[in-house]
Amino acid sequence: MSVCLLLSLPVLAYNGAHLEQFIDTKACIGCDLVNAPLGGRDLRGGDAENADLRNADFKGAKLEGINLLGADLQRADFRNSNLGGANLEGADLREAQLPGVYMFRAVLENANLGKANLERANIGGGELQFADLTEAILEDASLKNADLTSANLPLANLVEANLEGADLTRANLVEADLSNTTLKNATLVGTNFGAATLFRTNLKGTQISSNTVFDPKWTLIWELVNTRVLGRDLEGFDLSGANLEGVNLEGSNLAAVDLSQAYLFIVNLNGADLPQSNFEEAALRYVDFRNTDLTETNFLGADIEHSEFKGADLTKANLRNARLSDVDLRGAKLDFVNFQDVLLNPGTLLGEKWQVVADIISRGAEGRSLQDVDLSNSYLVGVNFRNAILRNADLRGANLEGADFTGARLIDGNLEGANLENTILEKVFYCRTILQDGTESACEIDLGDG
């Protein structure tokens, strides 16, 4: 005969009398309130100092000004509650749930918030000196003007958090993720950013010191954002992912600079040299590119808005998959620019020639009648011209590599110097067309208007 023994493990539970006391009087210092159901309760101004509130349910509770000094709040659930002005000094909030919670001017000095979820929480003006936020989730949280002196934030998620005006003196942010985070006007004296992710982090107006730890790349970016030096020589530097809001680089040498995925807002690049630079997937807002050398520059997938290119040289630039909104490209040199899959909004301005080129690249030219078009020195790689009628079309020097002209009619056109490598020219009808080598084709059949 077999015997099955069921051994039940002790379940942590609150002390009923303590719970009743806390609800009735809002005061229960050092009480046993493990797993206490306190959701929706009005506990404003209450006192549960040093209480054991592990796993307590505070969802939707009113907790403004409550005293939870030294309380054990591990894994407590504060969703939809209000902790404005609460005293959580020295409290243990490891793995606590605080997403979206209002904690304005809360006191969290010496609190342990390791792995706590503070996504979208408002801790503006909070006191977090010496707080432990190791691996805490602070994505999209507001810590504006918070005091984080000597706070410990290794591996913390601070993506898109607002730390404007915060004091991070001697704070530890090793391996923290500060992507798209605002540190504008923050104090970073002695702050350790070793191996931290600073993708598009706003460092404008920040105060650093000789013992602030940045990777060399971000030290340079900090200098560019916070010091005014015109005509800098930055050839070949890695500025990828930098937030360069408001930077003046007029007349600077930025040849072959890597600005991929960088964020440029109200940046002056007038007269700068940027040949062979890389703006792949960069966000470019209100950038002054006038008179700029952008030859062979890569704008693949870039998002370009409200920017001006008058007098800029974009010869052989790559705009493939770029999004252009309210961009003025009139007066720019656009020879051999790759317009493949580019998105142009109605406010983007192109000269007549390049409007036609961009249209042909985006829609193709199969079966179309194209008369008197100027496609000289344009990038038309792989375009479908099957059965198109090109009358008096200027294709001099155009890059037609891999284009398909099967059955097309080229009448009184000009192909001199065009790149016809791998171009499909089957059954093409030529009539008085200047060919690639400069000779003129015969025209044995009169096609009239056809």
Protein backbone atom coordinates (compact mmCIF):
# COMPACT_ATOMS: atom_id res chain seq x y z
CA MET A 1 0.00 0.00 0.00
CA SER A 2 1.44 3.35 -0.99
CA VAL A 3 0.99 6.45 1.08
CA CYS A 4 0.85 9.89 -0.54
CA LEU A 5 1.87 12.69 1.79
CA LEU A 6 0.84 16.21 0.78
CA LEU A 7 3.10 18.74 2.39
CA SER A 8 1.81 22.29 2.18
CA LEU A 9 4.30 25.09 2.23
CA PRO A 10 3.51 28.04 4.51
CA VAL A 11 1.77 30.85 2.65
CA LEU A 12 2.85 34.36 3.57
CA ALA A 13 -0.19 36.24 4.84
CA TYR A 14 -0.90 39.53 6.53
CA ASN A 15 -1.90 39.89 10.16
CA GLY A 16 -5.66 40.57 10.14
CA ALA A 17 -5.56 42.84 13.14
CA HIS A 18 -2.72 44.82 11.63
CA LEU A 19 -4.60 45.23 8.37
CA GLU A 20 -7.73 46.41 10.16
CA GLN A 21 -5.67 48.88 12.18
CA PHE A 22 -3.97 50.28 9.10
CA ILE A 23 -7.23 50.72 7.20
CA ASP A 24 -9.05 52.29 10.15
CA THR A 25 -6.28 54.55 11.49
CA LYS A 26 -3.89 54.80 8.50
CA ALA A 27 -1.08 54.04 10.94
CA CYS A 28 0.60 50.70 11.56
CA ILE A 29 4.33 51.05 12.18
CA GLY A 30 6.31 47.84 11.78
CA CYS A 31 3.18 45.84 11.01
CA ASP A 32 2.89 42.51 9.22
CA LEU A 33 1.04 43.35 6.01
CA VAL A 34 2.47 40.78 3.63
CA ASN A 35 0.11 40.30 0.65
CA ALA A 36 -2.25 42.91 2.12
CA PRO A 37 -5.20 43.85 -0.15
CA LEU A 38 -5.00 47.65 -0.10
CA GLY A 39 -6.11 48.39 -3.63
CA GLY A 40 -8.23 51.54 -4.01
CA ARG A 41 -7.80 52.56 -0.35
CA ASP A 42 -7.42 56.16 0.75
CA LEU A 43 -4.21 56.06 2.78
CA ARG A 44 -3.10 59.64 2.21
CA GLY A 45 -0.79 60.84 4.97
CA GLY A 46 -0.67 57.35 6.48
CA ASP A 47 2.24 55.84 8.38
CA ALA A 48 3.53 52.31 7.76
CA GLU A 49 7.17 52.90 8.64
CA ASN A 50 9.24 49.69 8.65
CA ALA A 51 6.14 47.62 7.84
CA ASP A 52 6.41 44.34 5.97
CA LEU A 53 4.38 44.98 2.81
CA ARG A 54 5.87 42.40 0.50
CA ASN A 55 3.56 41.57 -2.41
CA ALA A 56 0.99 44.06 -1.11
CA ASP A 57 -1.70 45.18 -3.55
CA PHE A 58 -1.87 48.99 -3.70
CA LYS A 59 -3.47 49.21 -7.16
CA GLY A 60 -5.42 52.46 -7.49
CA ALA A 61 -4.72 53.51 -3.89
CA LYS A 62 -4.38 57.13 -2.79
CA LEU A 63 -0.98 57.29 -1.12
CA GLU A 64 0.00 60.95 -1.31
CA GLY A 65 2.34 61.88 1.51
CA ILE A 66 2.34 58.39 3.04
CA ASN A 67 5.29 57.43 5.24
CA LEU A 68 6.81 54.13 4.11
CA LEU A 69 10.29 54.79 5.45
CA GLY A 70 12.25 51.54 5.67
CA ALA A 71 9.24 49.47 4.60
CA ASP A 72 9.71 46.14 2.80
CA LEU A 73 7.78 46.60 -0.43
CA GLN A 74 9.33 43.90 -2.54
CA ARG A 75 7.09 42.99 -5.49
CA ALA A 76 4.34 45.33 -4.23
CA ASP A 77 1.90 46.44 -6.94
CA PHE A 78 1.33 50.21 -7.11
CA ARG A 79 -0.27 50.41 -10.54
CA ASN A 80 -2.66 53.37 -10.95
CA SER A 81 -1.84 54.61 -7.47
CA ASN A 82 -0.60 58.06 -6.40
CA LEU A 83 2.61 58.35 -4.39
CA GLY A 84 3.13 62.08 -4.80
CA GLY A 85 5.30 63.39 -1.95
CA ALA A 86 5.50 59.94 -0.33
CA ASN A 87 8.41 59.09 1.97
CA LEU A 88 10.05 55.87 0.75
CA GLU A 89 13.47 56.54 2.19
CA GLY A 90 15.38 53.31 2.69
CA ALA A 91 12.42 51.25 1.48
CA ASP A 92 12.97 47.93 -0.30
CA LEU A 93 11.11 48.18 -3.62
CA ARG A 94 12.89 45.45 -5.51
CA GLU A 95 10.75 44.20 -8.42
CA ALA A 96 7.90 46.49 -7.37
CA GLN A 97 5.33 47.39 -10.02
CA LEU A 98 5.17 51.18 -10.46
CA PRO A 99 4.42 51.75 -14.16
CA GLY A 100 2.90 55.16 -14.83
CA VAL A 101 2.72 55.94 -11.12
CA TYR A 102 2.74 59.60 -10.01
CA MET A 103 5.66 59.99 -7.59
CA PHE A 104 6.36 63.69 -7.97
CA ARG A 105 8.76 64.88 -5.24
CA ALA A 106 8.74 61.48 -3.56
CA VAL A 107 11.62 60.74 -1.19
CA LEU A 108 13.51 57.63 -2.31
CA GLU A 109 16.88 58.28 -0.75
CA ASN A 110 18.76 55.01 -0.11
CA ALA A 111 15.78 53.06 -1.44
CA ASN A 112 16.38 49.78 -3.24
CA LEU A 113 14.55 49.77 -6.59
CA GLY A 114 16.47 46.96 -8.21
CA LYS A 115 14.53 45.55 -11.20
CA ALA A 116 11.52 47.69 -10.26
CA ASN A 117 9.16 48.62 -13.10
CA LEU A 118 8.97 52.43 -13.24
CA GLU A 119 8.06 52.73 -16.90
CA ARG A 120 6.35 56.10 -17.56
CA ALA A 121 6.47 56.94 -13.84
CA ASN A 122 6.65 60.61 -12.89
CA ILE A 123 9.41 61.05 -10.30
CA GLY A 124 10.08 64.66 -11.18
CA GLY A 125 11.84 66.52 -8.38
CA GLY A 126 12.30 63.24 -6.52
CA GLU A 127 15.03 62.64 -3.97
CA LEU A 128 16.92 59.52 -5.04
CA GLN A 129 20.32 60.11 -3.48
CA PHE A 130 22.19 56.81 -3.09
CA ALA A 131 19.16 54.90 -4.39
CA ASP A 132 19.83 51.51 -5.98
CA LEU A 133 18.15 51.27 -9.40
CA THR A 134 20.14 48.34 -10.75
CA GLU A 135 18.33 46.92 -13.81
CA ALA A 136 15.32 49.12 -13.07
CA ILE A 137 12.91 49.83 -15.92
CA LEU A 138 12.62 53.60 -16.30
CA GLU A 139 11.63 53.73 -19.94
CA ASP A 140 9.78 56.96 -20.78
CA ALA A 141 9.87 57.94 -17.09
CA SER A 142 10.14 61.55 -15.95
CA LEU A 143 12.99 62.31 -13.58
CA LYS A 144 13.09 65.99 -14.41
CA ASN A 145 15.05 67.95 -11.78
CA ALA A 146 15.40 64.81 -9.65
CA ASP A 147 18.34 64.44 -7.27
CA LEU A 148 20.17 61.22 -8.19
CA THR A 149 23.44 62.06 -6.46
CA SER A 150 25.47 58.86 -6.07
CA ALA A 151 22.55 56.78 -7.30
CA ASN A 152 23.35 53.33 -8.65
CA LEU A 153 21.81 52.66 -12.10
CA PRO A 154 23.90 49.95 -13.80
CA LEU A 155 22.02 48.15 -16.59
CA ALA A 156 18.99 50.39 -16.03
CA ASN A 157 16.58 50.94 -18.92
CA LEU A 158 16.28 54.72 -19.34
CA VAL A 159 15.14 54.70 -22.96
CA GLU A 160 13.33 57.98 -23.77
CA ALA A 161 13.42 59.01 -20.12
CA ASN A 162 13.39 62.71 -19.21
CA LEU A 163 16.29 63.64 -16.93
CA GLU A 164 16.36 67.31 -17.81
CA GLY A 165 17.95 69.31 -15.02
CA ALA A 166 18.58 66.19 -12.92
CA ASP A 167 21.59 65.96 -10.61
CA LEU A 168 23.55 62.80 -11.46
CA THR A 169 26.72 63.74 -9.62
CA ARG A 170 28.80 60.58 -9.04
CA ALA A 171 25.93 58.40 -10.27
CA ASN A 172 26.77 54.98 -11.71
CA LEU A 173 25.24 54.40 -15.16
CA VAL A 174 27.54 51.62 -16.33
CA GLU A 175 25.89 49.68 -19.17
CA ALA A 176 22.65 51.62 -18.76
CA ASP A 177 20.54 52.24 -21.86
CA LEU A 178 19.92 55.96 -22.35
CA SER A 179 18.73 55.80 -25.96
CA ASN A 180 16.76 58.93 -26.88
CA THR A 181 17.04 60.09 -23.28
CA THR A 182 16.99 63.79 -22.39
CA LEU A 183 19.87 64.86 -20.13
CA LYS A 184 19.52 68.51 -21.10
CA ASN A 185 21.00 70.82 -18.43
CA ALA A 186 21.72 67.86 -16.14
CA THR A 187 24.69 67.79 -13.76
CA LEU A 188 27.05 64.95 -14.72
CA VAL A 189 30.00 65.72 -12.46
CA GLY A 190 31.88 62.48 -11.81
CA THR A 191 29.11 60.43 -13.44
CA ASN A 192 30.16 57.04 -14.79
CA PHE A 193 28.76 56.27 -18.27
CA GLY A 194 31.14 53.38 -18.92
CA ALA A 195 29.75 51.14 -21.71
CA ALA A 196 26.40 52.97 -21.49
CA THR A 197 24.23 53.27 -24.61
CA LEU A 198 23.88 56.97 -25.48
CA PHE A 199 22.08 56.65 -28.81
CA ARG A 200 20.62 60.09 -29.62
CA THR A 201 20.94 61.11 -25.98
CA ASN A 202 20.51 64.86 -25.53
CA LEU A 203 23.63 66.19 -23.79
CA LYS A 204 22.99 69.88 -24.46
CA GLY A 205 23.74 72.16 -21.53
CA THR A 206 25.05 69.34 -19.34
CA GLN A 207 27.82 69.97 -16.83
CA ILE A 208 30.66 67.46 -16.72
CA SER A 209 34.02 67.27 -14.94
CA SER A 210 37.42 65.74 -15.54
CA ASN A 211 36.33 62.56 -13.76
CA THR A 212 33.10 62.11 -15.72
CA VAL A 213 33.49 58.78 -17.50
CA PHE A 214 32.49 58.80 -21.19
CA ASP A 215 33.75 56.69 -24.04
CA PRO A 216 35.96 58.98 -26.22
CA LYS A 217 33.28 59.14 -28.91
CA TRP A 218 30.76 60.67 -26.53
CA THR A 219 33.30 63.08 -25.07
CA LEU A 220 33.73 64.49 -28.59
CA ILE A 221 29.96 64.64 -29.09
CA TRP A 222 29.57 66.46 -25.78
CA GLU A 223 32.17 69.01 -26.95
CA LEU A 224 30.38 69.53 -30.26
CA VAL A 225 27.06 70.08 -28.53
CA ASN A 226 28.30 72.34 -25.76
CA THR A 227 31.22 74.33 -27.19
CA ARG A 228 31.22 76.72 -30.15
CA VAL A 229 34.16 76.09 -32.48
CA LEU A 230 33.62 76.91 -36.15
CA GLY A 231 35.48 75.27 -39.01
CA ARG A 232 36.43 72.07 -37.17
CA ASP A 233 38.34 69.26 -38.82
CA LEU A 234 36.38 66.08 -38.09
CA GLU A 235 37.27 64.05 -41.15
CA GLY A 236 36.53 60.35 -40.71
CA PHE A 237 35.14 60.64 -37.17
CA ASP A 238 32.41 58.34 -35.85
CA LEU A 239 29.40 60.44 -34.85
CA SER A 240 26.86 57.69 -35.47
CA GLY A 241 23.79 57.87 -33.25
CA ALA A 242 24.75 61.30 -31.94
CA ASN A 243 22.19 63.90 -30.89
CA LEU A 244 23.56 67.12 -32.39
CA GLU A 245 20.70 69.46 -31.57
CA GLY A 246 21.57 73.09 -32.25
CA VAL A 247 25.19 72.42 -33.28
CA ASN A 248 26.93 74.93 -35.56
CA LEU A 249 29.37 73.17 -37.92
CA GLU A 250 29.45 75.86 -40.57
CA GLY A 251 32.47 75.49 -42.83
CA SER A 252 33.73 72.36 -41.04
CA ASN A 253 35.52 69.44 -42.66
CA LEU A 254 33.29 66.42 -42.19
CA ALA A 255 34.53 64.32 -45.08
CA ALA A 256 33.74 60.62 -44.66
CA VAL A 257 32.15 61.24 -41.24
CA ASP A 258 29.79 58.55 -39.98
CA LEU A 259 26.52 60.24 -38.99
CA SER A 260 24.36 57.17 -39.49
CA GLN A 261 21.26 57.17 -37.27
CA ALA A 262 22.29 60.55 -35.87
CA TYR A 263 19.71 63.17 -34.88
CA LEU A 264 20.34 66.65 -36.27
CA PHE A 265 17.90 69.37 -35.24
CA ILE A 266 18.48 73.01 -36.25
CA VAL A 267 22.07 72.21 -37.27
CA ASN A 268 24.12 74.61 -39.39
CA LEU A 269 26.22 72.84 -42.04
CA ASN A 270 26.35 75.78 -44.42
CA GLY A 271 29.51 75.56 -46.53
CA ALA A 272 30.72 72.39 -44.80
CA ASP A 273 32.61 69.63 -46.61
CA LEU A 274 30.77 66.31 -46.32
CA PRO A 275 31.89 64.22 -49.30
CA GLN A 276 31.39 60.47 -48.80
CA SER A 277 29.78 61.06 -45.44
CA ASN A 278 27.14 58.67 -44.10
CA PHE A 279 23.66 59.81 -43.02
CA GLU A 280 22.05 56.39 -43.30
CA GLU A 281 18.79 56.31 -41.29
CA ALA A 282 19.62 59.68 -39.76
CA ALA A 283 16.88 62.10 -38.64
CA LEU A 284 17.57 65.50 -40.18
CA ARG A 285 15.25 68.31 -39.06
CA TYR A 286 15.73 71.94 -40.10
CA VAL A 287 19.31 71.32 -41.24
CA ASP A 288 21.08 74.03 -43.27
CA PHE A 289 22.89 72.19 -46.09
CA ARG A 290 23.31 75.27 -48.28
CA ASN A 291 26.54 75.39 -50.28
CA THR A 292 27.59 72.08 -48.77
CA ASP A 293 29.72 69.46 -50.52
CA LEU A 294 27.64 66.29 -50.28
CA THR A 295 29.16 64.40 -53.19
CA GLU A 296 28.76 60.62 -52.87
CA THR A 297 27.04 61.08 -49.52
CA ASN A 298 24.80 58.26 -48.29
CA PHE A 299 21.28 59.27 -47.19
CA LEU A 300 19.87 55.74 -47.42
CA GLY A 301 16.65 55.57 -45.38
CA ALA A 302 17.21 59.00 -43.87
CA ASP A 303 14.28 61.08 -42.59
CA ILE A 304 14.83 64.64 -43.88
CA GLU A 305 12.41 67.41 -42.93
CA HIS A 306 12.33 71.18 -43.45
CA SER A 307 15.93 71.28 -44.68
CA GLU A 308 17.49 73.48 -47.37
CA PHE A 309 20.04 72.41 -49.99
CA LYS A 310 20.42 75.53 -52.16
CA GLY A 311 23.88 75.52 -53.75
CA ALA A 312 24.70 72.08 -52.31
CA ASP A 313 26.52 69.53 -54.47
CA LEU A 314 24.83 66.12 -54.14
CA THR A 315 26.50 64.53 -57.15
CA LYS A 316 26.23 60.72 -56.84
CA ALA A 317 24.47 61.01 -53.47
CA ASN A 318 22.28 58.10 -52.43
CA LEU A 319 18.73 59.07 -51.42
CA ARG A 320 17.31 55.58 -51.74
CA ASN A 321 14.41 54.94 -49.33
CA ALA A 322 14.84 58.41 -47.86
CA ARG A 323 11.76 60.35 -46.71
CA LEU A 324 11.79 64.01 -47.73
CA SER A 325 9.19 66.30 -46.17
CA ASP A 326 9.14 70.01 -47.00
CA VAL A 327 12.71 69.88 -48.27
CA ASP A 328 13.99 72.50 -50.73
CA LEU A 329 16.31 70.90 -53.31
CA ARG A 330 16.00 73.67 -55.88
CA GLY A 331 19.36 75.03 -56.86
CA ALA A 332 21.19 71.91 -55.69
CA LYS A 333 23.38 69.88 -58.03
CA LEU A 334 21.71 66.48 -58.34
CA ASP A 335 23.68 64.72 -61.06
CA PHE A 336 23.53 60.92 -60.67
CA VAL A 337 21.55 61.12 -57.41
CA ASN A 338 19.85 57.81 -56.60
CA PHE A 339 16.15 58.59 -56.11
CA GLN A 340 15.06 54.94 -55.94
CA ASP A 341 12.09 54.43 -53.59
CA VAL A 342 12.43 57.96 -52.23
CA LEU A 343 9.29 59.40 -50.61
CA LEU A 344 8.58 63.03 -51.48
CA ASN A 345 5.73 64.92 -49.83
CA PRO A 346 3.95 67.75 -51.72
CA GLY A 347 6.02 70.34 -49.87
CA THR A 348 9.34 69.01 -51.19
CA LEU A 349 10.66 71.23 -53.99
CA LEU A 350 12.69 69.90 -56.93
CA GLY A 351 13.68 71.52 -60.19
CA GLU A 352 11.59 70.45 -63.20
CA LYS A 353 14.29 68.14 -64.56
CA TRP A 354 14.71 66.25 -61.31
CA GLN A 355 10.98 65.99 -60.72
CA VAL A 356 10.79 64.08 -64.00
CA VAL A 357 13.78 61.90 -63.05
CA ALA A 358 12.32 61.09 -59.62
CA ASP A 359 8.97 60.27 -61.21
CA ILE A 360 10.52 57.92 -63.77
CA ILE A 361 12.53 56.15 -61.09
CA SER A 362 9.52 55.73 -58.81
CA ARG A 363 6.90 54.79 -61.46
CA GLY A 364 9.03 53.41 -64.25
CA ALA A 365 8.59 54.40 -67.89
CA GLU A 366 7.08 51.32 -69.51
CA GLY A 367 4.93 52.32 -72.46
CA ARG A 368 5.14 56.01 -71.61
CA SER A 369 5.57 58.79 -74.14
CA LEU A 370 8.43 60.98 -72.96
CA GLN A 371 9.08 63.94 -75.20
CA ASP A 372 11.79 66.58 -74.77
CA VAL A 373 12.80 65.16 -71.38
CA ASP A 374 16.19 66.06 -69.97
CA LEU A 375 17.59 62.92 -68.34
CA SER A 376 21.24 63.79 -68.80
CA ASN A 377 23.64 62.81 -66.01
CA SER A 378 20.81 61.12 -64.13
CA TYR A 379 20.79 57.85 -62.19
CA LEU A 380 18.38 55.51 -63.98
CA VAL A 381 19.82 52.15 -62.99
CA GLY A 382 17.41 49.28 -63.58
CA VAL A 383 14.55 51.48 -64.81
CA ASN A 384 11.90 49.80 -67.01
CA PHE A 385 11.67 51.66 -70.35
CA ARG A 386 10.02 48.77 -72.22
CA ASN A 387 8.02 50.02 -75.24
CA ALA A 388 8.51 53.64 -74.15
CA ILE A 389 8.63 56.40 -76.78
CA LEU A 390 11.57 58.70 -76.09
CA ARG A 391 11.34 61.54 -78.59
CA ASN A 392 14.08 64.19 -78.41
CA ALA A 393 15.15 62.78 -75.04
CA ASP A 394 18.52 63.88 -73.65
CA LEU A 395 20.21 60.86 -72.06
CA ARG A 396 23.77 62.08 -72.34
CA GLY A 397 25.99 60.65 -69.62
CA ALA A 398 23.04 58.99 -67.87
CA ASN A 399 23.67 55.87 -65.83
CA LEU A 400 21.40 53.31 -67.51
CA GLU A 401 23.07 50.23 -66.10
CA GLY A 402 20.66 47.29 -66.08
CA ALA A 403 17.81 49.36 -67.55
CA ASP A 404 15.37 47.58 -69.88
CA PHE A 405 14.68 49.31 -73.24
CA THR A 406 13.08 46.30 -74.95
CA GLY A 407 10.87 47.58 -77.78
CA ALA A 408 11.54 51.23 -76.93
CA ARG A 409 11.70 53.94 -79.61
CA LEU A 410 14.51 56.49 -79.38
CA ILE A 411 13.80 59.23 -81.87
CA ASP A 412 16.06 62.30 -82.21
CA GLY A 413 17.52 61.44 -78.82
CA ASN A 414 21.03 61.52 -77.42
CA LEU A 415 22.80 58.63 -75.65
CA GLU A 416 26.33 59.97 -75.95
CA GLY A 417 28.49 58.91 -73.03
CA ALA A 418 25.66 57.00 -71.32
CA ASN A 419 26.49 53.98 -69.18
CA LEU A 420 24.85 51.03 -70.96
CA GLU A 421 26.47 48.23 -68.97
CA ASN A 422 24.06 45.27 -68.80
CA THR A 423 21.37 47.46 -70.39
CA ILE A 424 18.75 45.45 -72.32
CA LEU A 425 18.46 46.91 -75.83
CA GLU A 426 16.51 44.22 -77.66
CA LYS A 427 14.29 45.38 -80.56
CA VAL A 428 15.05 49.05 -79.85
CA PHE A 429 14.14 51.35 -82.74
CA TYR A 430 16.64 54.19 -83.22
CA CYS A 431 15.90 57.17 -85.43
CA ARG A 432 18.39 60.00 -85.76
CA THR A 433 19.64 59.21 -82.27
CA ILE A 434 23.16 60.07 -81.14
CA LEU A 435 24.56 56.76 -79.88
CA GLN A 436 26.86 56.10 -76.97
CA ASP A 437 30.00 56.53 -79.10
CA GLY A 438 28.82 59.86 -80.56
CA THR A 439 27.70 58.53 -83.96
CA GLU A 440 24.20 59.16 -85.26
CA SER A 441 21.84 56.31 -86.05
CA ALA A 442 20.01 56.05 -89.32
CA CYS A 443 16.25 56.23 -89.60
CA GLU A 444 14.87 54.00 -92.31
CA ILE A 445 11.25 54.13 -91.23
CA ASP A 446 9.21 57.30 -90.70
CA LEU A 447 7.15 56.79 -87.54
CA GLY A 448 5.42 60.14 -87.69
CA ASP A 449 4.02 60.93 -84.26
CA GLY A 450 4.10 57.30 -83.20
